[in-house]
Structures are given as C-alpha cells and as structure tokens.
C-alpha cells in the first residue's frame, strides 16, 4: 500500500479544520518550531474517516459531552503540556521503572488498579471460545473469511454489507448501528454512576443489614456484587467509625471482609480529598468501516499466518470513557466488577498493572452488550477503554504512528518527540499523584489511629 502524500489534495472541510487548529495553537503559544510537524500529524489524523476523534475535529463539536468548540478543547490540552528537550526514550524508561516500582510495592489495601489480587479473572479463553461460537453460528457475517468478506463487501445487499453499512438502524435488528445506540446508553449510565459513586467490590451481594448500615453515612447504589457510595456531606469520622464497627459485627470474619472495610474507609478519604472532579468524557461508540475491517483482517492473516474470520477481530465496535486521573480508572474498574454480570466480560487488559515498555496505557475490557442486566450480544461485543482524559488526546494522535504505511519513516522520530514527551510527562504526573494520595491515606490512618 503506498504512503499517502501530505501534498495530496485536502478537502475544503479538512483545510478549514487544519487552519483553525493552527490559529488556535499559535494563540495558545505552542512552540513555533514544532507547529508544522504537529499540523502534519493532524492532517494524518483527519484521514481516519471512521475515527471518532477525526469526526469530532471536523464537526468541531462533541455532542455526547456538550463540548461546542472541540478544536479549542484539544488545542488547550495540547498547549498546556510543553514539548521539552527531554528524550522520549529516557522518559519512557523512567515511566516504566516508576510503574514497576508502584506495582511491586502496591498493597491490596491501596486500591485495585495496581493490584494483582484484585485483577478481573483472566478471561482470554472466554473471548476465544465466544469468537469460535460466533464464527460457527453466524456464517454470513462473522463466519466469513477475508476473501469471502472482501467479496461480500462488494454487494450492497449482502447480509454482511447491510450489517455494517445499512442506512437505518431501525430497519433491521441485524445492523451494527443498533449496537452502537445501545452501547452509548450503557456507557452514559455507567459514566454517570462512576462520577457520583465510589464503588466497593464484594464477592457476593451485600446483605440487607449491611446496606442499611451504609445508608447511615451515604447514598448507595446497590449492585450485583458490592455497592456504590456517595457519602453524605455531614458524615464525619465518628459516623464512619461507628458504621464500620457495625459492619464488622455483621460481616463474616475473614481477610476479604477486612479489605471491604478498608475500601469503604479509603473511599471516604478519597471522597473528601478529591474535590471538584471533572465529569467523565465519552468518545462516541464507533464501528469499523468495511475498509478498516478488511485491512485489519489482512494484517492479521500476515501476522498470524492463518485464515482469519470476521469473528476473530476483537475491536469491530468500541468506545472510550476518559476521566481525571488514575483514581477515576480504578473506580471505573470497580464499578464494572460490581455492576456487570461475570459472563459479560470476555477479557480484561490492564496495561497500568502489566506495565509494557511502551508509552501507551489503558484499561481495556471486551464487553458483551447487556439488556436488563443480562448478557445480550447478537454475536457482538465492544471494546471499552478507560484512560485519563488529557493523556487520551495525545494517544489519539500517537495512534497514527502505528498505522501500517501511514507515516513516512523520516518523520516518525520527530512525531514521537512531539507526542510522546508530553504524553509520558502526563502519565508520570498521574502516577506520582496516585502514589502521593495513597501515601497521604496511609498517614491519615496513622494520625487518626483508625
């Protein structure tokens, strides 16, 4: 596949977007020496026609999150993080080492994001089993191999084409747009809950007696496993201590219940400490275009050396929830564990815990679409990503560096510097703040002899 030239004709809409982005970046004093290359990065990003980031830049709004001037929003975040002379490779190593130190020294009593014990049970085999099932039972959509899918894509009336590009989601259940509507509703409800409640996971449903005690200090969201807590403003330390003592008498005596009591205590501390939280930001759910799907199938066949079916592709549809920091990601993970039935989560990938040597980080869950709290998929699932919102902007742009043949090799090093230096500085900031607040929590426990 030939590399597309930056000198190729740009549409009028794309040019207006690029010119306005350049004006905004200049206005926010973005370093002039990096501006031409950043503009080129944006040009490549706008070529990803099915990508939510590109669509929001072109429309200059994010209706899902009530952002009317999305270009200004993006430029403000980019310009808030200076591109310094630091080496991105040095920063990447520093971030890896500090993340590894956090992982090794992390106690289960300091939250679930870096806790191996509180990781969602490995479910890779569940995903593979589900993929094989949908390939077998859905012959004309998920059961098509690359050549069959390529041929079916040329027939607008084929079940395969109609499923992916049918005009109206209301005309047929067999249309992926139906799933995107449901996914957005699910994630909006999830985001609202995570913004309001701090979640405490328990292996089973909390008893009515335990919930009654918690209602003395908080509004609660009673979930399938555990509870969400929105502490009353007037709740004080004495109230908290008395409630925990009552719960200690109600709950069976074991190590896991010690963790539950600790999580309630820690969430009270976080509720009081982390004020003025930003609302979670949702990237519009999206489905791959037929072109993107076929390109990925072809890439997988070359990578794995075997026949690839549509049903083998894990990220046909996906969405992202971004929040303020690592505490948001931790609460998002806890909420999903509390609210969703176990059979809905096909796979978890927590790159904060597993700490790969690259800059990219997210909390990723392959999730079946649910209906009335039960797994309901129509043979599909979606990739739900959780990230800090400021890091997310740089990752949207950094993603194009890994698109096959998208970027000329001579530009990649300069682009990495422009994107990875601020991204890694942001991730280091989030990691250090996460560790700082956890140390404050431990000191708080000692100070109040709690």
Protein backbone atom coordinates (compact mmCIF):
# COMPACT_ATOMS: atom_id res chain seq x y z
CA UNK A 1 0.00 0.00 0.00
CA UNK A 2 1.50 3.36 -1.00
CA UNK A 3 2.08 6.04 1.61
CA UNK A 4 -0.32 8.90 1.12
CA UNK A 5 1.47 12.18 0.46
CA UNK A 6 0.96 15.21 2.66
CA UNK A 7 0.80 17.18 -0.59
CA UNK A 8 -2.26 15.29 -1.79
CA UNK A 9 -5.39 17.35 -2.24
CA UNK A 10 -7.04 18.15 1.07
CA UNK A 11 -10.80 18.63 1.16
CA UNK A 12 -12.15 22.11 1.92
CA UNK A 13 -13.56 20.90 5.25
CA UNK A 14 -10.24 19.38 6.27
CA UNK A 15 -8.35 22.53 5.26
CA UNK A 16 -10.65 24.77 7.32
CA UNK A 17 -10.12 22.46 10.29
CA UNK A 18 -6.33 22.43 9.88
CA UNK A 19 -6.14 26.22 9.50
CA UNK A 20 -8.26 26.78 12.61
CA UNK A 21 -6.21 24.28 14.62
CA UNK A 22 -3.06 26.12 13.58
CA UNK A 23 -4.54 29.50 14.60
CA UNK A 24 -5.63 28.15 17.99
CA UNK A 25 -2.23 26.56 18.63
CA UNK A 26 -0.47 29.84 17.78
CA UNK A 27 -2.85 31.70 20.06
CA UNK A 28 -2.01 29.37 22.95
CA UNK A 29 1.74 29.88 22.27
CA UNK A 30 2.54 26.39 21.04
CA UNK A 31 6.30 26.19 20.22
CA UNK A 32 6.70 27.50 16.67
CA UNK A 33 9.45 25.03 15.73
CA UNK A 34 7.10 22.08 16.28
CA UNK A 35 3.97 23.57 14.73
CA UNK A 36 4.47 22.47 11.07
CA UNK A 37 5.00 18.85 12.13
CA UNK A 38 2.04 18.89 14.54
CA UNK A 39 -0.15 20.25 11.75
CA UNK A 40 1.01 17.36 9.60
CA UNK A 41 0.12 14.93 12.40
CA UNK A 42 -3.38 16.43 12.48
CA UNK A 43 -3.60 16.01 8.70
CA UNK A 44 -2.91 12.29 9.03
CA UNK A 45 -5.43 12.04 11.90
CA UNK A 46 -8.15 13.59 9.72
CA UNK A 47 -7.64 10.89 7.08
CA UNK A 48 -9.05 8.31 9.53
CA UNK A 49 -12.61 8.86 8.36
CA UNK A 50 -14.28 6.42 10.75
CA UNK A 51 -12.36 7.55 13.83
CA UNK A 52 -14.42 9.46 16.48
CA UNK A 53 -11.52 11.85 17.12
CA UNK A 54 -11.34 12.85 13.43
CA UNK A 55 -15.11 13.17 13.17
CA UNK A 56 -15.29 15.46 16.21
CA UNK A 57 -12.45 17.62 14.90
CA UNK A 58 -14.19 18.02 11.54
CA UNK A 59 -17.57 18.77 13.12
CA UNK A 60 -15.91 20.94 15.79
CA UNK A 61 -18.19 19.63 18.49
CA UNK A 62 -18.60 16.72 20.83
CA UNK A 63 -22.34 16.45 21.36
CA UNK A 64 -22.01 13.44 23.66
CA UNK A 65 -20.12 15.55 26.19
CA UNK A 66 -21.61 19.01 25.44
CA UNK A 67 -18.34 20.45 24.08
CA UNK A 68 -19.27 23.06 21.47
CA UNK A 69 -15.74 24.02 20.37
CA UNK A 70 -13.85 20.75 20.23
CA UNK A 71 -10.85 22.16 18.35
CA UNK A 72 -10.27 24.72 21.08
CA UNK A 73 -10.68 21.98 23.72
CA UNK A 74 -7.99 19.84 22.03
CA UNK A 75 -5.59 22.75 21.48
CA UNK A 76 -5.85 23.89 25.10
CA UNK A 77 -4.90 20.42 26.35
CA UNK A 78 -2.02 20.12 23.88
CA UNK A 79 -0.63 23.57 24.72
CA UNK A 80 -0.96 23.01 28.46
CA UNK A 81 1.76 20.37 28.15
CA UNK A 82 5.04 21.82 26.91
CA UNK A 83 7.20 19.92 24.46
CA UNK A 84 10.60 19.98 26.13
CA UNK A 85 14.07 18.96 25.04
CA UNK A 86 13.82 15.77 27.07
CA UNK A 87 14.34 12.46 25.30
CA UNK A 88 11.12 10.50 24.91
CA UNK A 89 13.12 7.29 25.25
CA UNK A 90 14.53 8.44 28.60
CA UNK A 91 11.04 9.41 29.80
CA UNK A 92 9.61 6.11 28.61
CA UNK A 93 12.21 4.20 30.63
CA UNK A 94 11.58 6.43 33.66
CA UNK A 95 7.82 5.83 33.44
CA UNK A 96 8.32 2.08 33.07
CA UNK A 97 10.65 1.92 36.10
CA UNK A 98 8.32 4.02 38.28
CA UNK A 99 5.27 1.98 37.22
CA UNK A 100 7.12 -1.24 38.01
CA UNK A 101 8.08 0.08 41.43
CA UNK A 102 4.44 1.01 42.09
CA UNK A 103 3.26 -2.42 41.00
CA UNK A 104 5.75 -4.33 43.16
CA UNK A 105 5.23 -2.21 46.27
CA UNK A 106 1.47 -1.86 45.92
CA UNK A 107 -0.67 -3.18 48.75
CA UNK A 108 -4.13 -4.60 48.14
CA UNK A 109 -5.27 -2.04 50.71
CA UNK A 110 -4.32 0.79 48.32
CA UNK A 111 -6.85 0.13 45.58
CA UNK A 112 -7.35 -2.24 42.67
CA UNK A 113 -5.62 -0.52 39.72
CA UNK A 114 -2.17 -1.95 40.53
CA UNK A 115 -3.37 -4.98 42.49
CA UNK A 116 -2.82 -8.44 41.02
CA UNK A 117 -5.12 -9.95 43.66
CA UNK A 118 -7.98 -7.67 42.55
CA UNK A 119 -7.49 -8.22 38.82
CA UNK A 120 -10.52 -9.47 36.94
CA UNK A 121 -10.05 -13.22 36.45
CA UNK A 122 -8.14 -13.93 33.24
CA UNK A 123 -10.71 -14.40 30.54
CA UNK A 124 -8.71 -14.76 27.32
CA UNK A 125 -10.07 -18.27 26.81
CA UNK A 126 -13.61 -16.94 27.21
CA UNK A 127 -13.02 -14.49 24.34
CA UNK A 128 -11.55 -17.18 22.09
CA UNK A 129 -14.46 -19.51 22.86
CA UNK A 130 -17.00 -16.78 22.09
CA UNK A 131 -15.22 -15.90 18.82
CA UNK A 132 -15.32 -19.53 17.68
CA UNK A 133 -19.00 -19.76 18.55
CA UNK A 134 -19.98 -16.66 16.59
CA UNK A 135 -17.88 -17.74 13.61
CA UNK A 136 -19.71 -21.08 13.60
CA UNK A 137 -23.26 -19.80 14.17
CA UNK A 138 -23.16 -16.61 12.07
CA UNK A 139 -21.96 -17.92 8.71
CA UNK A 140 -22.76 -14.86 6.57
CA UNK A 141 -21.34 -12.14 8.83
CA UNK A 142 -18.86 -13.27 11.50
CA UNK A 143 -18.19 -16.59 9.76
CA UNK A 144 -16.75 -15.00 6.60
CA UNK A 145 -13.02 -15.32 5.98
CA UNK A 146 -11.02 -12.46 4.43
CA UNK A 147 -11.67 -13.36 0.79
CA UNK A 148 -15.37 -14.04 1.43
CA UNK A 149 -15.76 -10.77 3.35
CA UNK A 150 -13.99 -8.87 0.57
CA UNK A 151 -16.41 -10.32 -1.98
CA UNK A 152 -19.50 -9.75 0.22
CA UNK A 153 -18.46 -6.10 0.74
CA UNK A 154 -18.88 -5.52 -3.00
CA UNK A 155 -22.57 -6.49 -2.80
CA UNK A 156 -24.55 -3.75 -1.09
CA UNK A 157 -27.44 -6.14 -0.47
CA UNK A 158 -25.42 -8.91 1.19
CA UNK A 159 -26.16 -9.57 4.88
CA UNK A 160 -22.53 -8.62 5.59
CA UNK A 161 -22.77 -5.18 3.91
CA UNK A 162 -26.19 -4.46 5.36
CA UNK A 163 -24.97 -5.32 8.86
CA UNK A 164 -22.13 -2.79 8.65
CA UNK A 165 -23.41 -0.04 6.35
CA UNK A 166 -27.22 -0.30 6.38
CA UNK A 167 -28.68 3.23 6.37
CA UNK A 168 -31.15 2.99 9.23
CA UNK A 169 -30.64 1.03 12.44
CA UNK A 170 -34.42 0.83 12.91
CA UNK A 171 -34.96 -1.18 9.73
CA UNK A 172 -33.20 -4.34 10.86
CA UNK A 173 -32.03 -5.97 14.06
CA UNK A 174 -29.05 -7.22 12.03
CA UNK A 175 -27.36 -3.84 11.87
CA UNK A 176 -24.38 -2.82 13.94
CA UNK A 177 -25.77 0.70 14.38
CA UNK A 178 -28.32 -0.80 16.74
CA UNK A 179 -25.47 -1.95 18.93
CA UNK A 180 -23.82 1.48 18.90
CA UNK A 181 -27.04 3.10 20.14
CA UNK A 182 -27.25 0.60 23.00
CA UNK A 183 -23.53 0.94 23.82
CA UNK A 184 -23.85 4.71 24.14
CA UNK A 185 -26.81 4.32 26.51
CA UNK A 186 -24.92 1.77 28.62
CA UNK A 187 -21.77 3.90 28.83
CA UNK A 188 -23.65 7.11 29.59
CA UNK A 189 -25.34 5.38 32.52
CA UNK A 190 -22.01 3.89 33.64
CA UNK A 191 -20.23 7.26 33.40
CA UNK A 192 -22.95 8.96 35.46
CA UNK A 193 -22.62 6.29 38.16
CA UNK A 194 -18.82 6.48 38.26
CA UNK A 195 -19.00 10.28 38.53
CA UNK A 196 -21.35 10.07 41.53
CA UNK A 197 -20.38 6.93 43.46
CA UNK A 198 -17.23 5.33 44.79
CA UNK A 199 -17.58 1.57 44.31
CA UNK A 200 -16.65 -1.20 46.73
CA UNK A 201 -16.49 -4.67 45.19
CA UNK A 202 -17.55 -7.71 47.21
CA UNK A 203 -17.52 -11.38 46.07
CA UNK A 204 -21.28 -11.62 46.57
CA UNK A 205 -24.31 -9.44 47.19
CA UNK A 206 -24.15 -7.39 50.39
CA UNK A 207 -26.80 -8.34 52.93
CA UNK A 208 -29.73 -6.02 53.59
CA UNK A 209 -28.37 -5.45 57.10
CA UNK A 210 -25.02 -4.30 55.73
CA UNK A 211 -26.70 -1.98 53.23
CA UNK A 212 -28.87 -0.49 55.96
CA UNK A 213 -25.76 0.38 57.96
CA UNK A 214 -24.12 2.03 54.93
CA UNK A 215 -27.23 4.11 54.28
CA UNK A 216 -26.50 5.90 57.57
CA UNK A 217 -23.41 7.54 56.04
CA UNK A 218 -24.02 7.52 52.27
CA UNK A 219 -26.47 7.34 49.40
CA UNK A 220 -25.89 3.91 47.94
CA UNK A 221 -26.09 2.23 44.57
CA UNK A 222 -26.91 -1.41 45.41
CA UNK A 223 -25.17 -3.54 42.79
CA UNK A 224 -24.96 -7.23 41.97
CA UNK A 225 -21.66 -7.56 43.85
CA UNK A 226 -20.83 -4.74 46.22
CA UNK A 227 -22.12 -1.21 46.48
CA UNK A 228 -21.57 2.33 45.22
CA UNK A 229 -21.18 5.02 47.91
CA UNK A 230 -21.90 8.74 47.72
CA UNK A 231 -21.08 9.90 51.23
CA UNK A 232 -23.38 12.41 52.92
CA UNK A 233 -21.68 15.83 53.26
CA UNK A 234 -22.30 15.78 57.02
CA UNK A 235 -20.74 12.33 57.52
CA UNK A 236 -17.73 12.66 59.86
CA UNK A 237 -15.06 10.34 61.22
CA UNK A 238 -17.15 9.30 64.19
CA UNK A 239 -20.03 8.32 61.90
CA UNK A 240 -17.66 6.35 59.70
CA UNK A 241 -16.03 4.54 62.64
CA UNK A 242 -19.40 3.57 64.12
CA UNK A 243 -20.65 2.25 60.77
CA UNK A 244 -17.50 0.20 60.22
CA UNK A 245 -17.78 -1.27 63.71
CA UNK A 246 -21.39 -2.25 62.99
CA UNK A 247 -20.35 -3.79 59.66
CA UNK A 248 -17.54 -5.68 61.39
CA UNK A 249 -20.15 -7.36 63.57
CA UNK A 250 -22.38 -8.17 60.59
CA UNK A 251 -19.81 -9.42 58.06
CA UNK A 252 -18.12 -12.82 58.49
CA UNK A 253 -14.59 -12.63 59.91
CA UNK A 254 -12.13 -13.18 57.05
CA UNK A 255 -9.36 -11.37 55.19
CA UNK A 256 -11.57 -10.36 52.27
CA UNK A 257 -14.02 -8.60 54.56
CA UNK A 258 -11.07 -6.69 56.07
CA UNK A 259 -10.43 -5.46 52.51
CA UNK A 260 -14.09 -4.45 52.13
CA UNK A 261 -13.97 -2.40 55.35
CA UNK A 262 -10.71 -0.83 54.21
CA UNK A 263 -12.16 0.03 50.79
CA UNK A 264 -15.08 1.83 52.45
CA UNK A 265 -12.66 3.75 54.64
CA UNK A 266 -10.34 4.59 51.72
CA UNK A 267 -13.25 5.70 49.54
CA UNK A 268 -14.39 8.04 52.32
CA UNK A 269 -10.88 9.55 52.35
CA UNK A 270 -10.86 9.91 48.54
CA UNK A 271 -14.37 11.42 48.57
CA UNK A 272 -13.17 14.10 50.99
CA UNK A 273 -9.76 14.62 49.32
CA UNK A 274 -10.50 14.59 45.58
CA UNK A 275 -12.83 17.57 45.23
CA UNK A 276 -14.11 19.26 42.05
CA UNK A 277 -13.83 16.15 39.91
CA UNK A 278 -14.35 16.59 36.17
CA UNK A 279 -17.19 14.64 34.59
CA UNK A 280 -16.15 11.56 32.62
CA UNK A 281 -15.80 12.13 28.87
CA UNK A 282 -17.22 9.53 26.46
CA UNK A 283 -15.86 9.03 22.96
CA UNK A 284 -18.79 8.25 20.71
CA UNK A 285 -19.11 4.48 20.17
CA UNK A 286 -17.91 3.61 16.71
CA UNK A 287 -17.79 0.61 14.40
CA UNK A 288 -15.04 -0.08 11.92
CA UNK A 289 -15.74 0.76 8.30
CA UNK A 290 -15.66 -2.16 5.90
CA UNK A 291 -12.33 -0.84 4.58
CA UNK A 292 -10.80 -0.75 8.10
CA UNK A 293 -12.19 -4.18 8.94
CA UNK A 294 -10.82 -5.78 5.79
CA UNK A 295 -7.46 -4.06 6.27
CA UNK A 296 -7.19 -5.45 9.80
CA UNK A 297 -8.20 -8.95 8.68
CA UNK A 298 -5.49 -8.84 6.01
CA UNK A 299 -2.96 -7.60 8.61
CA UNK A 300 -3.91 -10.43 11.00
CA UNK A 301 -3.51 -13.06 8.26
CA UNK A 302 0.01 -11.77 7.56
CA UNK A 303 0.80 -11.57 11.29
CA UNK A 304 -0.56 -14.97 12.38
CA UNK A 305 -0.09 -16.94 9.15
CA UNK A 306 -3.57 -18.48 9.17
CA UNK A 307 -7.06 -17.88 7.82
CA UNK A 308 -8.80 -15.01 9.67
CA UNK A 309 -12.55 -14.66 10.00
CA UNK A 310 -14.60 -11.54 10.72
CA UNK A 311 -15.37 -13.04 14.12
CA UNK A 312 -11.66 -13.08 15.03
CA UNK A 313 -11.47 -9.27 15.09
CA UNK A 314 -11.96 -8.09 18.70
CA UNK A 315 -12.44 -4.33 18.20
CA UNK A 316 -15.09 -4.17 15.48
CA UNK A 317 -17.01 -1.79 17.74
CA UNK A 318 -15.64 0.19 20.64
CA UNK A 319 -15.84 3.23 22.86
CA UNK A 320 -13.81 5.07 25.47
CA UNK A 321 -14.52 6.63 28.85
CA UNK A 322 -11.91 9.16 29.98
CA UNK A 323 -11.65 10.76 33.41
CA UNK A 324 -9.45 12.96 35.57
CA UNK A 325 -6.79 10.55 36.80
CA UNK A 326 -5.85 7.03 37.89
CA UNK A 327 -8.38 7.13 40.74
CA UNK A 328 -11.10 7.53 38.10
CA UNK A 329 -9.79 4.45 36.25
CA UNK A 330 -9.74 2.48 39.49
CA UNK A 331 -13.32 3.46 40.30
CA UNK A 332 -14.38 2.63 36.73
CA UNK A 333 -12.88 -0.83 37.08
CA UNK A 334 -14.56 -1.36 40.47
CA UNK A 335 -17.92 -0.19 39.08
CA UNK A 336 -17.74 -2.65 36.18
CA UNK A 337 -16.86 -5.51 38.57
CA UNK A 338 -19.78 -4.53 40.82
CA UNK A 339 -22.43 -3.89 38.17
CA UNK A 340 -21.79 -6.25 35.24
CA UNK A 341 -22.50 -9.99 35.37
CA UNK A 342 -19.29 -12.00 35.11
CA UNK A 343 -20.32 -13.59 31.81
CA UNK A 344 -20.45 -10.15 30.17
CA UNK A 345 -16.67 -9.52 30.47
CA UNK A 346 -14.85 -11.56 27.83
CA UNK A 347 -11.40 -10.13 28.50
CA UNK A 348 -9.61 -7.56 30.64
CA UNK A 349 -6.31 -5.94 29.68
CA UNK A 350 -4.94 -3.62 32.38
CA UNK A 351 -1.79 -2.01 30.96
CA UNK A 352 -1.30 0.03 34.15
CA UNK A 353 -0.84 -3.17 36.12
CA UNK A 354 1.03 -5.19 33.48
CA UNK A 355 3.28 -2.24 32.54
CA UNK A 356 4.52 -2.80 28.96
CA UNK A 357 7.75 -0.97 27.99
CA UNK A 358 5.86 1.40 25.64
CA UNK A 359 4.08 4.68 26.41
CA UNK A 360 0.56 3.52 25.60
CA UNK A 361 -1.64 2.73 28.62
CA UNK A 362 -5.31 1.95 29.06
CA UNK A 363 -7.75 -0.21 30.98
CA UNK A 364 -9.45 -2.30 28.30
CA UNK A 365 -12.47 -4.56 28.68
CA UNK A 366 -14.12 -6.61 25.94
CA UNK A 367 -17.76 -6.48 26.99
CA UNK A 368 -20.93 -8.11 25.73
CA UNK A 369 -23.84 -5.75 25.21
CA UNK A 370 -26.27 -6.09 28.08
CA UNK A 371 -30.02 -5.83 28.28
CA UNK A 372 -31.83 -5.75 31.64
CA UNK A 373 -28.63 -6.79 33.37
CA UNK A 374 -28.14 -9.97 31.34
CA UNK A 375 -25.61 -10.80 28.62
CA UNK A 376 -27.20 -9.99 25.24
CA UNK A 377 -24.87 -9.81 22.28
CA UNK A 378 -26.34 -10.75 18.91
CA UNK A 379 -22.86 -12.23 18.38
CA UNK A 380 -21.06 -8.95 19.04
CA UNK A 381 -19.19 -7.24 21.85
CA UNK A 382 -17.41 -3.92 22.21
CA UNK A 383 -14.00 -2.77 23.34
CA UNK A 384 -14.38 -0.38 26.29
CA UNK A 385 -11.24 1.67 27.02
CA UNK A 386 -10.59 3.74 30.14
CA UNK A 387 -7.92 6.48 30.17
CA UNK A 388 -7.13 9.86 31.74
CA UNK A 389 -8.75 12.49 29.53
CA UNK A 390 -5.62 14.63 28.95
CA UNK A 391 -3.47 11.62 28.04
CA UNK A 392 -6.26 10.46 25.74
CA UNK A 393 -5.81 13.44 23.39
CA UNK A 394 -2.13 12.61 22.80
CA UNK A 395 -2.94 8.91 22.42
CA UNK A 396 -5.50 9.76 19.73
CA UNK A 397 -2.68 11.38 17.74
CA UNK A 398 0.02 8.88 18.71
CA UNK A 399 -2.17 6.04 17.42
CA UNK A 400 -1.45 7.02 13.81
CA UNK A 401 2.26 6.25 14.29
CA UNK A 402 1.33 2.56 14.40
CA UNK A 403 -0.92 2.55 11.35
CA UNK A 404 0.79 0.49 8.64
CA UNK A 405 2.26 2.80 5.97
CA UNK A 406 0.50 5.90 7.35
CA UNK A 407 3.59 7.96 8.23
CA UNK A 408 6.84 8.37 6.27
CA UNK A 409 9.70 6.84 8.27
CA UNK A 410 11.76 10.06 8.21
CA UNK A 411 9.02 11.88 10.13
CA UNK A 412 8.26 9.29 12.78
CA UNK A 413 11.10 10.21 15.14
CA UNK A 414 10.13 13.90 15.18
CA UNK A 415 6.47 13.00 15.61
CA UNK A 416 7.32 10.68 18.51
CA UNK A 417 9.14 13.52 20.22
CA UNK A 418 6.21 15.91 19.78
CA UNK A 419 3.62 13.38 21.01
CA UNK A 420 5.44 11.12 23.46
CA UNK A 421 7.28 13.72 25.55
CA UNK A 422 4.06 15.42 26.75
CA UNK A 423 2.20 12.08 26.92
CA UNK A 424 4.84 10.48 29.14
CA UNK A 425 5.10 13.61 31.31
CA UNK A 426 1.32 13.43 31.79
CA UNK A 427 1.38 9.74 32.68
CA UNK A 428 4.22 10.33 35.13
CA UNK A 429 2.22 13.16 36.69
CA UNK A 430 -0.84 10.92 37.08
CA UNK A 431 1.23 8.05 38.51
CA UNK A 432 3.03 10.26 41.02
CA UNK A 433 -0.21 11.89 42.12
CA UNK A 434 -1.78 8.46 42.57
CA UNK A 435 1.14 7.39 44.78
CA UNK A 436 1.15 10.71 46.67
CA UNK A 437 -2.54 10.47 47.58
CA UNK A 438 -2.14 6.84 48.65
CA UNK A 439 0.72 7.86 50.97
CA UNK A 440 -1.49 10.59 52.40
CA UNK A 441 -4.14 7.94 53.03
CA UNK A 442 -1.71 5.78 54.98
CA UNK A 443 -0.59 8.79 57.03
CA UNK A 444 -4.25 9.71 57.66
CA UNK A 445 -4.89 6.23 59.06
CA UNK A 446 -1.89 6.53 61.39
CA UNK A 447 -2.84 10.05 62.50
CA UNK A 448 -6.40 9.11 63.46
CA UNK A 449 -5.39 5.64 64.74
CA UNK A 450 -8.05 4.13 62.54
